[in-house]
Protein backbone atom coordinates (compact mmCIF):
# COMPACT_ATOMS: atom_id res chain seq x y z
CA MET A 1 0.00 0.00 0.00
CA GLU A 2 1.29 3.44 -0.93
CA PHE A 3 0.87 4.97 2.50
CA THR A 4 2.87 2.16 4.12
CA GLN A 5 5.67 2.52 1.58
CA ARG A 6 5.92 6.25 2.17
CA PHE A 7 6.12 5.69 5.90
CA VAL A 8 8.89 3.10 5.62
CA HIS A 9 11.04 5.50 3.61
CA PHE A 10 10.39 8.49 5.83
CA PRO A 11 13.83 9.82 7.02
CA ILE A 12 13.66 9.06 10.74
CA THR A 13 16.78 10.07 12.73
CA ARG A 14 17.88 9.55 16.29
CA THR A 15 17.25 13.25 16.97
CA LEU A 16 13.53 13.00 16.05
CA ASN A 17 11.32 14.35 18.81
CA PRO A 18 9.81 11.34 20.70
CA ILE A 19 6.41 13.02 20.91
CA LEU A 20 6.35 13.71 17.18
CA PHE A 21 7.39 10.11 16.51
CA SER A 22 4.51 8.77 18.62
CA ILE A 23 2.01 10.96 16.78
CA LEU A 24 3.24 9.80 13.39
CA PHE A 25 3.18 6.15 14.47
CA LEU A 26 -0.42 6.37 15.68
CA PHE A 27 -1.44 8.18 12.49
CA PHE A 28 0.07 5.36 10.40
CA ILE A 29 -1.70 2.60 12.34
CA SER A 30 -5.06 4.36 12.06
CA ASN A 31 -4.84 4.94 8.30
CA SER A 32 -3.37 1.52 7.61
CA ASN A 33 -6.38 -0.22 9.25
CA SER A 34 -8.78 2.02 7.38
CA VAL A 35 -7.35 1.06 4.01
CA HIS A 36 -7.42 -2.63 4.95
CA GLY A 37 -11.09 -2.36 5.90
CA ARG A 38 -12.07 -0.73 2.64
CA HIS A 39 -10.21 -3.34 0.68
CA HIS A 40 -12.03 -6.34 2.19
CA PHE A 41 -15.55 -5.08 3.00
CA GLN A 42 -16.36 -2.70 0.21
CA LYS A 43 -20.18 -2.53 -0.11
CA LYS A 44 -21.74 -3.47 -3.44
CA GLN A 45 -24.89 -1.61 -4.39
CA GLY A 46 -27.93 -3.81 -4.90
CA ASN A 47 -26.54 -6.80 -2.96
CA PRO A 48 -29.05 -7.51 -0.18
CA THR A 49 -26.63 -9.52 1.93
CA SER A 50 -23.43 -7.53 1.49
CA SER A 51 -23.54 -6.14 5.02
CA ASN A 52 -23.48 -9.50 6.76
CA VAL A 53 -21.69 -12.03 4.57
CA SER A 54 -18.12 -12.26 3.38
CA PRO A 55 -17.14 -11.27 -0.17
CA GLN A 56 -16.54 -14.95 -0.97
CA ASN A 57 -20.35 -15.49 -1.05
CA PRO A 58 -21.98 -12.21 -2.03
CA SER A 59 -24.88 -13.64 -4.06
CA TYR A 60 -28.47 -13.59 -2.87
CA ALA A 61 -29.89 -16.90 -1.61
CA PRO A 62 -33.63 -17.04 -2.48
CA SER A 63 -34.40 -19.36 0.45
CA LEU A 64 -33.42 -16.66 2.92
CA PRO A 65 -35.50 -13.57 3.77
CA PRO A 66 -33.96 -10.31 2.59
CA SER A 67 -32.09 -8.25 5.13
CA PRO A 68 -33.42 -4.77 6.03
CA ILE A 69 -30.39 -2.90 4.74
CA ASP A 70 -29.91 0.26 2.79
CA ASN A 71 -30.29 -0.41 -0.93
CA GLY A 72 -29.06 2.96 -1.99
CA ASP A 73 -32.53 4.47 -2.33
CA GLY A 74 -32.57 6.09 1.07
CA ASN A 75 -34.89 3.56 2.73
CA PRO A 76 -32.89 1.31 5.09
CA ASN A 77 -35.98 -0.82 5.92
CA ASP A 78 -37.05 -1.69 2.39
CA PRO A 79 -37.56 -5.51 2.39
CA ASN A 80 -37.00 -5.68 -1.35
CA PRO A 81 -33.53 -4.32 -2.15
CA ASP A 82 -32.85 -6.63 -5.11
CA PRO A 83 -34.71 -5.50 -8.25
CA CYS A 84 -35.40 -9.15 -9.16
CA ILE A 85 -36.82 -10.11 -5.75
CA PHE A 86 -40.47 -9.21 -5.23
CA ASP A 87 -41.16 -9.68 -1.53
CA VAL A 88 -44.92 -9.81 -0.91
CA ARG A 89 -44.44 -7.64 2.20
CA SER A 90 -43.51 -4.77 -0.10
CA TYR A 91 -47.03 -5.00 -1.55
CA GLY A 92 -48.83 -4.95 1.77
CA ALA A 93 -48.81 -8.61 2.84
CA VAL A 94 -48.98 -8.94 6.62
CA GLY A 95 -48.55 -12.67 7.20
CA ASP A 96 -50.27 -12.83 10.58
CA CYS A 97 -52.49 -15.90 9.84
CA SER A 98 -55.69 -13.85 9.66
CA THR A 99 -55.22 -10.90 7.29
CA ASP A 100 -56.24 -11.54 3.69
CA ASP A 101 -52.98 -11.14 1.75
CA THR A 102 -54.41 -12.11 -1.64
CA GLN A 103 -54.06 -8.72 -3.30
CA ALA A 104 -50.43 -8.39 -2.22
CA PHE A 105 -49.61 -11.73 -3.85
CA ILE A 106 -51.43 -10.75 -7.05
CA GLU A 107 -49.52 -7.46 -7.30
CA ALA A 108 -46.19 -9.16 -6.55
CA TRP A 109 -46.96 -11.81 -9.16
CA ASN A 110 -47.81 -9.21 -11.82
CA GLU A 111 -44.43 -7.53 -11.41
CA ALA A 112 -42.25 -10.59 -10.80
CA CYS A 113 -43.79 -12.52 -13.68
CA GLN A 114 -42.89 -9.74 -16.10
CA THR A 115 -39.29 -9.46 -14.89
CA GLU A 116 -36.63 -11.72 -16.33
CA SER A 117 -35.34 -14.01 -13.58
CA GLY A 118 -37.90 -12.49 -11.26
CA THR A 119 -38.68 -14.10 -7.90
CA LEU A 120 -41.89 -13.72 -5.95
CA LEU A 121 -40.83 -14.22 -2.33
CA ALA A 122 -43.04 -15.28 0.58
CA PRO A 123 -40.42 -14.97 3.34
CA SER A 124 -39.93 -17.22 6.33
CA ASP A 125 -41.48 -16.59 9.75
CA TYR A 126 -44.75 -15.32 8.23
CA ASN A 127 -48.11 -17.04 7.79
CA PHE A 128 -49.91 -15.74 4.72
CA THR A 129 -53.62 -16.33 4.11
CA ILE A 130 -54.86 -16.00 0.54
CA THR A 131 -58.13 -16.90 -1.13
CA SER A 132 -58.66 -18.90 -4.33
CA THR A 133 -56.50 -17.26 -7.00
CA ILE A 134 -55.49 -17.90 -10.60
CA PHE A 135 -51.92 -16.79 -11.38
CA SER A 136 -51.71 -16.45 -15.15
CA GLY A 137 -48.76 -16.38 -17.52
CA PRO A 138 -46.95 -16.09 -19.71
CA CYS A 139 -44.01 -14.94 -17.60
CA LYS A 140 -40.52 -13.83 -18.53
CA PRO A 141 -37.82 -16.55 -18.46
CA GLY A 142 -36.45 -17.71 -15.13
CA PHE A 143 -39.49 -16.94 -12.98
CA THR A 144 -39.52 -18.39 -9.44
CA PHE A 145 -42.30 -18.53 -6.86
CA GLN A 146 -40.31 -18.89 -3.62
CA ILE A 147 -42.20 -20.01 -0.52
CA ASP A 148 -40.11 -19.91 2.66
CA GLY A 149 -42.94 -19.00 5.02
CA THR A 150 -46.40 -20.56 5.30
CA LEU A 151 -49.24 -20.18 2.79
CA MET A 152 -52.77 -21.22 3.66
CA PRO A 153 -56.34 -20.89 2.37
CA PRO A 154 -59.32 -19.80 4.50
CA ASP A 155 -60.14 -22.29 7.23
CA GLY A 156 -62.87 -24.51 5.82
CA PRO A 157 -66.00 -24.13 3.68
CA ASP A 158 -67.73 -21.70 6.06
CA CYS A 159 -64.85 -19.22 5.69
CA TRP A 160 -64.55 -19.64 1.93
CA PRO A 161 -65.68 -16.51 0.00
CA ASN A 162 -68.98 -17.17 -1.76
CA ASP A 163 -67.70 -15.88 -5.10
CA ASP A 164 -64.58 -18.09 -5.09
CA SER A 165 -64.34 -21.49 -6.75
CA LYS A 166 -64.60 -24.35 -4.30
CA LYS A 167 -62.86 -26.70 -6.74
CA GLN A 168 -59.37 -25.19 -6.61
CA TRP A 169 -57.23 -22.88 -4.51
CA LEU A 170 -53.92 -21.89 -6.13
CA VAL A 171 -53.98 -22.20 -9.91
CA PHE A 172 -51.04 -21.54 -12.23
CA TYR A 173 -52.25 -21.08 -15.79
CA ARG A 174 -50.23 -21.00 -19.00
CA VAL A 175 -46.88 -20.51 -17.33
CA ASP A 176 -43.72 -21.70 -19.06
CA GLY A 177 -40.41 -22.23 -17.28
CA MET A 178 -41.57 -21.58 -13.72
CA ALA A 179 -40.09 -22.93 -10.48
CA LEU A 180 -42.30 -23.36 -7.41
CA GLN A 181 -39.93 -24.02 -4.55
CA GLY A 182 -38.79 -23.15 -1.06
CA ASN A 183 -38.27 -24.33 2.49
CA GLY A 184 -41.76 -23.35 3.56
CA LEU A 185 -45.12 -24.95 4.17
CA ILE A 186 -48.37 -24.95 2.21
CA GLU A 187 -51.01 -25.74 4.82
CA GLY A 188 -54.33 -26.79 3.32
CA ASN A 189 -56.63 -26.49 6.37
CA GLY A 190 -58.51 -29.49 5.03
CA GLU A 191 -60.12 -30.97 8.15
CA LYS A 192 -63.45 -29.14 7.91
CA TRP A 193 -63.74 -30.14 4.25
CA TRP A 194 -63.11 -33.80 5.07
CA ASP A 195 -65.94 -33.70 7.64
CA LEU A 196 -68.63 -32.67 5.16
CA PRO A 197 -71.48 -35.21 5.41
CA CYS A 198 -71.21 -35.91 1.67
CA LYS A 199 -67.74 -37.37 2.10
CA PRO A 200 -67.44 -41.16 2.20
CA HIS A 201 -68.49 -42.50 5.61
CA ARG A 202 -68.71 -39.03 7.19
CA GLY A 203 -72.43 -39.02 7.86
CA PRO A 204 -74.20 -40.47 10.93
CA ASN A 205 -73.29 -44.07 11.66
CA GLY A 206 -70.73 -44.09 8.87
CA SER A 207 -73.15 -43.14 6.12
CA THR A 208 -72.63 -40.86 3.15
CA LEU A 209 -75.22 -38.12 2.84
CA PRO A 210 -76.26 -35.79 0.00
CA GLY A 211 -75.28 -32.15 0.03
CA PRO A 212 -72.59 -29.77 -1.22
CA CYS A 213 -69.42 -31.71 -1.75
CA ASP A 214 -67.06 -29.57 -3.86
CA SER A 215 -63.65 -29.37 -2.21
CA PRO A 216 -60.65 -27.49 -3.59
CA ALA A 217 -57.52 -29.07 -4.99
CA LEU A 218 -54.75 -27.26 -3.20
CA ILE A 219 -52.33 -26.53 -6.07
CA ARG A 220 -53.21 -26.89 -9.74
CA PHE A 221 -51.08 -26.33 -12.82
CA PHE A 222 -53.09 -26.01 -16.02
CA ASP A 223 -51.66 -25.76 -19.54
CA CYS A 224 -48.14 -25.15 -18.24
CA SER A 225 -44.75 -26.35 -19.45
CA ASN A 226 -41.18 -26.72 -18.23
CA LEU A 227 -42.12 -26.71 -14.57
CA HIS A 228 -39.95 -27.42 -11.55
CA VAL A 229 -41.63 -28.04 -8.20
CA GLN A 230 -39.28 -28.80 -5.35
CA GLY A 231 -38.51 -28.67 -1.66
CA LEU A 232 -41.91 -27.79 -0.23
CA ARG A 233 -43.97 -29.30 2.56
CA ILE A 234 -47.64 -29.60 1.59
CA HIS A 235 -50.07 -30.64 4.30
CA ASN A 236 -53.77 -31.36 4.80
CA SER A 237 -55.25 -30.55 1.42
CA PRO A 238 -59.06 -30.46 1.23
CA GLN A 239 -58.77 -32.66 -1.86
CA PHE A 240 -55.82 -33.35 -4.24
CA HIS A 241 -52.58 -31.84 -2.97
CA VAL A 242 -50.84 -31.09 -6.29
CA LYS A 243 -52.52 -31.52 -9.68
CA PHE A 244 -51.14 -31.15 -13.20
CA ASP A 245 -53.60 -30.80 -16.13
CA ALA A 246 -52.51 -30.51 -19.76
CA CYS A 247 -48.86 -29.85 -18.87
CA GLU A 248 -45.57 -30.89 -20.44
CA ASN A 249 -42.03 -31.31 -19.13
CA VAL A 250 -42.65 -31.39 -15.38
CA LEU A 251 -39.98 -32.08 -12.75
CA ILE A 252 -41.17 -32.75 -9.19
CA GLU A 253 -38.68 -33.53 -6.46
CA ASN A 254 -38.02 -33.41 -2.73
CA LEU A 255 -41.61 -32.85 -1.66
CA PHE A 256 -43.08 -33.88 1.67
CA ILE A 257 -46.85 -34.35 1.42
CA ASP A 258 -48.74 -35.23 4.58
CA SER A 259 -52.42 -35.76 5.40
CA PRO A 260 -54.18 -38.27 7.69
CA ALA A 261 -54.80 -41.79 6.45
CA LEU A 262 -58.58 -41.26 6.55
CA SER A 263 -58.66 -37.91 4.77
CA PRO A 264 -60.87 -38.55 1.70
CA ASN A 265 -59.78 -37.92 -1.90
CA THR A 266 -56.47 -36.37 -0.89
CA ASP A 267 -54.31 -37.74 -3.71
CA GLY A 268 -50.72 -36.63 -3.24
CA ILE A 269 -49.67 -35.91 -6.83
CA HIS A 270 -52.14 -36.26 -9.70
CA VAL A 271 -51.28 -35.90 -13.39
CA GLU A 272 -53.65 -36.02 -16.35
CA ASN A 273 -53.22 -35.12 -20.02
CA THR A 274 -49.61 -34.46 -19.10
CA LYS A 275 -46.44 -35.73 -20.78
CA PHE A 276 -42.80 -36.07 -19.79
CA VAL A 277 -43.06 -36.05 -16.02
CA GLY A 278 -40.40 -36.89 -13.43
CA ILE A 279 -41.38 -37.45 -9.79
CA TYR A 280 -38.37 -38.06 -7.55
CA ASN A 281 -37.10 -38.26 -3.98
CA SER A 282 -40.32 -37.47 -2.15
CA VAL A 283 -42.38 -38.71 0.79
CA ILE A 284 -46.17 -38.87 0.48
CA ARG A 285 -48.57 -39.80 3.30
CA ASN A 286 -52.27 -39.28 2.68
CA GLY A 287 -55.75 -40.74 2.49
CA ASP A 288 -55.90 -41.66 -1.19
CA ASP A 289 -53.51 -42.41 -4.04
CA CYS A 290 -49.92 -41.48 -3.34
CA VAL A 291 -49.47 -40.75 -7.05
CA SER A 292 -52.35 -41.03 -9.52
CA ILE A 293 -51.94 -41.01 -13.28
CA GLY A 294 -55.01 -40.09 -15.28
CA ALA A 295 -55.97 -40.24 -18.93
CA GLY A 296 -53.74 -38.68 -21.57
CA CYS A 297 -50.43 -39.21 -19.77
CA SER A 298 -47.23 -40.60 -21.25
CA HIS A 299 -43.56 -40.80 -20.36
CA VAL A 300 -44.00 -40.60 -16.60
CA ASP A 301 -40.98 -41.57 -14.49
CA ILE A 302 -41.40 -42.14 -10.73
CA GLU A 303 -38.35 -42.97 -8.64
CA ASN A 304 -37.24 -42.94 -4.99
CA ILE A 305 -40.68 -42.30 -3.54
CA THR A 306 -41.94 -43.41 -0.14
CA CYS A 307 -45.73 -43.86 0.03
CA GLY A 308 -47.96 -44.65 2.95
CA PRO A 309 -50.31 -44.64 4.50
CA GLY A 310 -52.59 -44.23 1.50
CA HIS A 311 -53.80 -46.10 -1.56
CA GLY A 312 -50.50 -46.69 -3.32
CA ILE A 313 -49.49 -45.69 -6.85
CA SER A 314 -52.36 -45.86 -9.33
CA ILE A 315 -52.89 -45.58 -13.04
CA GLY A 316 -56.50 -44.53 -13.28
CA SER A 317 -59.26 -44.61 -12.79
CA LEU A 318 -59.75 -44.60 -16.58
CA GLY A 319 -62.67 -44.83 -19.00
CA VAL A 320 -65.46 -43.50 -16.79
CA HIS A 321 -68.72 -42.65 -18.61
CA HIS A 322 -67.57 -44.51 -21.77
CA THR A 323 -64.65 -42.12 -22.34
CA GLN A 324 -61.41 -42.86 -24.15
CA ALA A 325 -58.32 -43.02 -21.97
CA CYS A 326 -54.73 -43.45 -23.15
CA VAL A 327 -51.74 -43.96 -20.86
CA SER A 328 -48.33 -45.21 -21.97
CA ASN A 329 -44.67 -45.41 -21.01
CA VAL A 330 -44.91 -45.21 -17.23
CA THR A 331 -41.97 -46.40 -15.11
CA VAL A 332 -42.04 -46.80 -11.32
CA THR A 333 -38.71 -47.77 -9.72
CA ASN A 334 -37.09 -47.83 -6.28
CA VAL A 335 -40.30 -47.15 -4.38
CA VAL A 336 -41.37 -48.04 -0.83
CA ILE A 337 -45.08 -48.52 -0.14
CA LYS A 338 -46.21 -49.22 3.42
CA ASN A 339 -49.43 -49.52 5.40
CA SER A 340 -51.50 -48.92 2.27
CA ASP A 341 -54.75 -50.26 0.87
CA ASN A 342 -53.09 -50.88 -2.49
CA GLY A 343 -49.59 -51.18 -3.84
CA VAL A 344 -49.20 -50.67 -7.59
CA ARG A 345 -52.58 -50.52 -9.29
CA ILE A 346 -54.22 -50.11 -12.69
CA LYS A 347 -57.93 -49.35 -12.42
CA THR A 348 -60.44 -48.86 -15.24
CA TRP A 349 -64.20 -48.56 -15.56
CA GLN A 350 -66.23 -50.92 -17.69
CA GLY A 351 -67.43 -49.39 -20.94
CA GLY A 352 -64.33 -47.29 -21.48
CA MET A 353 -62.06 -47.15 -24.52
CA GLY A 354 -58.37 -46.63 -25.22
CA SER A 355 -55.36 -48.42 -23.80
CA VAL A 356 -52.76 -48.68 -21.04
CA THR A 357 -49.46 -49.89 -22.47
CA PHE A 358 -45.75 -50.16 -21.70
CA ILE A 359 -45.92 -49.93 -17.92
CA THR A 360 -43.05 -51.04 -15.66
CA PHE A 361 -43.10 -51.47 -11.88
CA GLU A 362 -39.61 -52.37 -10.70
CA SER A 363 -37.79 -52.61 -7.36
CA VAL A 364 -40.79 -51.90 -5.19
CA LEU A 365 -40.70 -52.74 -1.48
CA MET A 366 -44.07 -53.45 0.15
CA GLU A 367 -44.68 -53.30 3.90
CA ASN A 368 -48.09 -54.41 5.17
CA VAL A 369 -49.87 -53.59 1.91
CA ARG A 370 -53.26 -54.88 0.86
CA ASN A 371 -53.56 -55.67 -2.87
CA CYS A 372 -49.84 -55.33 -3.57
CA ILE A 373 -50.22 -55.92 -7.33
CA ILE A 374 -53.62 -55.25 -8.84
CA ILE A 375 -55.27 -54.72 -12.21
CA ASP A 376 -58.95 -53.97 -11.72
CA GLN A 377 -61.04 -53.48 -14.85
CA TYR A 378 -64.26 -53.56 -12.86
CA TYR A 379 -63.64 -50.39 -10.89
CA CYS A 380 -66.87 -49.00 -9.49
CA PHE A 381 -67.87 -46.76 -6.57
CA THR A 382 -70.91 -48.90 -5.79
CA LYS A 383 -72.03 -52.47 -6.30
CA GLY A 384 -74.53 -51.42 -8.96
CA CYS A 385 -72.23 -51.20 -11.99
CA THR A 386 -73.30 -53.50 -14.83
CA ASN A 387 -71.07 -55.41 -17.23
CA GLN A 388 -70.13 -53.59 -20.43
CA THR A 389 -68.88 -54.89 -23.74
CA SER A 390 -66.02 -52.43 -24.15
CA ALA A 391 -63.04 -51.72 -21.90
CA VAL A 392 -59.69 -49.98 -21.78
CA PHE A 393 -57.13 -52.38 -23.27
CA VAL A 394 -54.28 -53.20 -20.84
CA SER A 395 -51.07 -54.65 -22.30
CA ASP A 396 -47.30 -54.83 -21.81
CA VAL A 397 -47.20 -54.47 -18.04
CA ALA A 398 -44.06 -55.69 -16.21
CA TYR A 399 -43.62 -56.35 -12.49
CA ARG A 400 -39.97 -56.92 -11.56
CA ASN A 401 -38.32 -57.26 -8.16
CA ILE A 402 -41.48 -56.64 -6.15
CA LYS A 403 -40.84 -57.81 -2.58
CA GLY A 404 -42.12 -57.36 0.93
CA THR A 405 -45.18 -58.14 3.04
CA TYR A 406 -48.92 -58.03 2.41
CA ASP A 407 -52.13 -57.75 4.39
CA VAL A 408 -53.76 -61.20 4.25
CA ARG A 409 -57.29 -59.80 3.93
CA SER A 410 -56.74 -59.77 0.15
CA PRO A 411 -54.60 -61.84 -2.22
CA PRO A 412 -51.29 -60.07 -2.90
CA MET A 413 -51.81 -60.37 -6.67
CA HIS A 414 -55.11 -59.63 -8.38
CA PHE A 415 -55.62 -59.50 -12.15
CA ALA A 416 -59.31 -58.87 -12.87
CA CYS A 417 -59.43 -58.16 -16.60
CA SER A 418 -62.41 -57.46 -18.83
CA ASP A 419 -64.57 -60.32 -20.08
CA THR A 420 -64.35 -59.05 -23.64
CA VAL A 421 -60.95 -57.30 -23.69
CA PRO A 422 -58.33 -59.43 -21.93
CA CYS A 423 -55.12 -58.07 -20.44
CA THR A 424 -52.10 -59.23 -22.43
CA ASN A 425 -48.34 -59.53 -22.08
CA ILE A 426 -48.20 -59.31 -18.28
CA THR A 427 -44.69 -60.18 -17.09
CA LEU A 428 -43.64 -61.14 -13.56
CA SER A 429 -40.06 -61.54 -12.36
CA GLU A 430 -38.62 -61.85 -8.84
CA VAL A 431 -41.94 -61.26 -7.12
CA GLU A 432 -41.68 -62.35 -3.47
CA LEU A 433 -44.54 -61.36 -1.18
CA LEU A 434 -45.04 -62.81 2.29
CA PRO A 435 -47.81 -62.22 4.83
CA TYR A 436 -47.27 -59.35 7.25
CA GLU A 437 -49.25 -61.33 9.84
CA GLY A 438 -51.09 -64.64 9.67
CA GLU A 439 -50.92 -67.41 7.10
CA MET A 440 -49.96 -67.09 3.46
CA VAL A 441 -52.74 -66.50 0.95
CA ALA A 442 -51.65 -69.00 -1.66
CA ASP A 443 -54.28 -68.22 -4.26
CA PRO A 444 -53.63 -65.11 -6.37
CA PHE A 445 -56.63 -64.10 -8.47
CA CYS A 446 -56.69 -63.94 -12.28
CA TRP A 447 -59.50 -63.39 -14.75
CA ASN A 448 -58.88 -63.24 -18.49
CA ALA A 449 -55.25 -62.24 -17.89
CA TYR A 450 -52.46 -63.40 -20.23
CA GLY A 451 -48.73 -63.29 -19.69
CA GLY A 452 -45.79 -65.17 -18.24
CA MET A 453 -43.28 -65.47 -15.43
CA GLU A 454 -39.57 -64.98 -15.93
CA THR A 455 -38.94 -66.48 -12.46
CA LEU A 456 -41.01 -68.32 -9.91
CA THR A 457 -43.12 -66.10 -7.68
CA ILE A 458 -44.01 -66.18 -4.00
CA PRO A 459 -46.81 -66.98 -3.59
CA PRO A 460 -46.93 -69.12 -6.75
CA ILE A 461 -49.22 -67.82 -9.46
CA THR A 462 -50.81 -70.45 -11.66
CA CYS A 463 -53.87 -68.60 -12.90
CA LEU A 464 -52.08 -66.37 -15.40
CA GLN A 465 -52.74 -67.73 -18.89
CA ASP A 466 -49.69 -68.39 -21.05
CA GLY A 467 -49.08 -66.54 -24.27
CA ALA A 468 -51.72 -64.32 -25.81
CA PRO A 469 -55.43 -64.68 -26.54
CA GLN A 470 -56.30 -66.10 -29.95
CA SER A 471 -57.66 -62.79 -31.09
CA ILE A 472 -58.33 -59.31 -29.85
CA GLU A 473 -61.06 -57.48 -31.64
CA GLU A 474 -59.59 -55.01 -34.09
CA SER A 475 -61.31 -51.78 -33.29
CA THR A 476 -60.46 -48.12 -33.14
CA VAL A 477 -61.79 -47.98 -29.59
CA TYR A 478 -58.54 -49.56 -28.37
CA ARG A 479 -56.22 -47.30 -30.34
CA CYS A 480 -54.58 -44.20 -28.95
């Protein structure tokens, strides 16, 4: 440093006044420290964490709330110093559990969505209440909806605004390239919805009564693409927790979804008319399907998921009201399913059309699961459904390395295929299922099911018909 060099070469002699020497020495030490401080802690304008982190990590971390520092605009308490971070508090959100913060979220969305690499931030340590809202795109590239605090809807149907839809809460519509993420919680406040008398077995003496029954899906993506949903905790949805309709290129990972085992219709993740989906590294506990795959889906990859309690992983239900349903190229691997009513299931209504093809269930561990492996082409809510002549065609389904324990109230393998449209090319390999308690059920069920075993199974399955049926009716109703 220049000042230090000048001091070293200053002509000090033995006759220098001691007092003057002391003054010069103190002046050097003071200025030397000042220069050192400026060199290492120089403040960068627009960096919301520059006052409390070292220069080695000056970038903003979206999972952390912004610090109330001076952003150069003369307001040291502005919670939104970064021009790409749109903190909902800057738009009037209170986050006290009771104030309606809907308008603040809408205004923050409108600005963040139209900013390249914009982030809408719901910061930690706040509890935001918002009503049913549709967040519409398109947005600029790199948009992030960052939830580090808690988001929740009004508490039950009696608190729901009369003009709001009771079928959905947060809807993201026509958004491309969005990330929904954070360390926060989406709390669904679903208990009062589950207790409606119209819900299954919620009426007196376990009955189901007529009456209003609409319940909102908690999060819905409609006509979106290139989505990334990660890191969130999602609890107690009134109905489906996360739903994807007519979407493409969806990555879902590191979610924790949790609702009671008896909460009705609370599917964890539901996809329909959606293609190229990855669901990874998540835990789902709920009262219905852990993951449900509806009509119009293809190229769905599910891996490293823990399910249960719940109803397992389901394809369907498909073909209701004589509709066409097409599902193909679904892979489920490295999954744990425990304390569930079903394991891996394909369920279709009689009278439907279309097909379910190229499905693989591999390396699935069952723990106390009823109906570990099931194809049910007679799916029906009541006992009054009549036989139909058409059905969704099920073919090319593989079960490999399926092991664990089953609830002996039902056979661990159940293939109930249509009378007129048999299931074909079912493959079993390394299937070993033992009773969780009690004696082994040594009689798996098959009806009009064709396929083969690559290895012996436990329990043995002898009802699966070898090869393929002599003929399958050539008809456009089975084509997708």
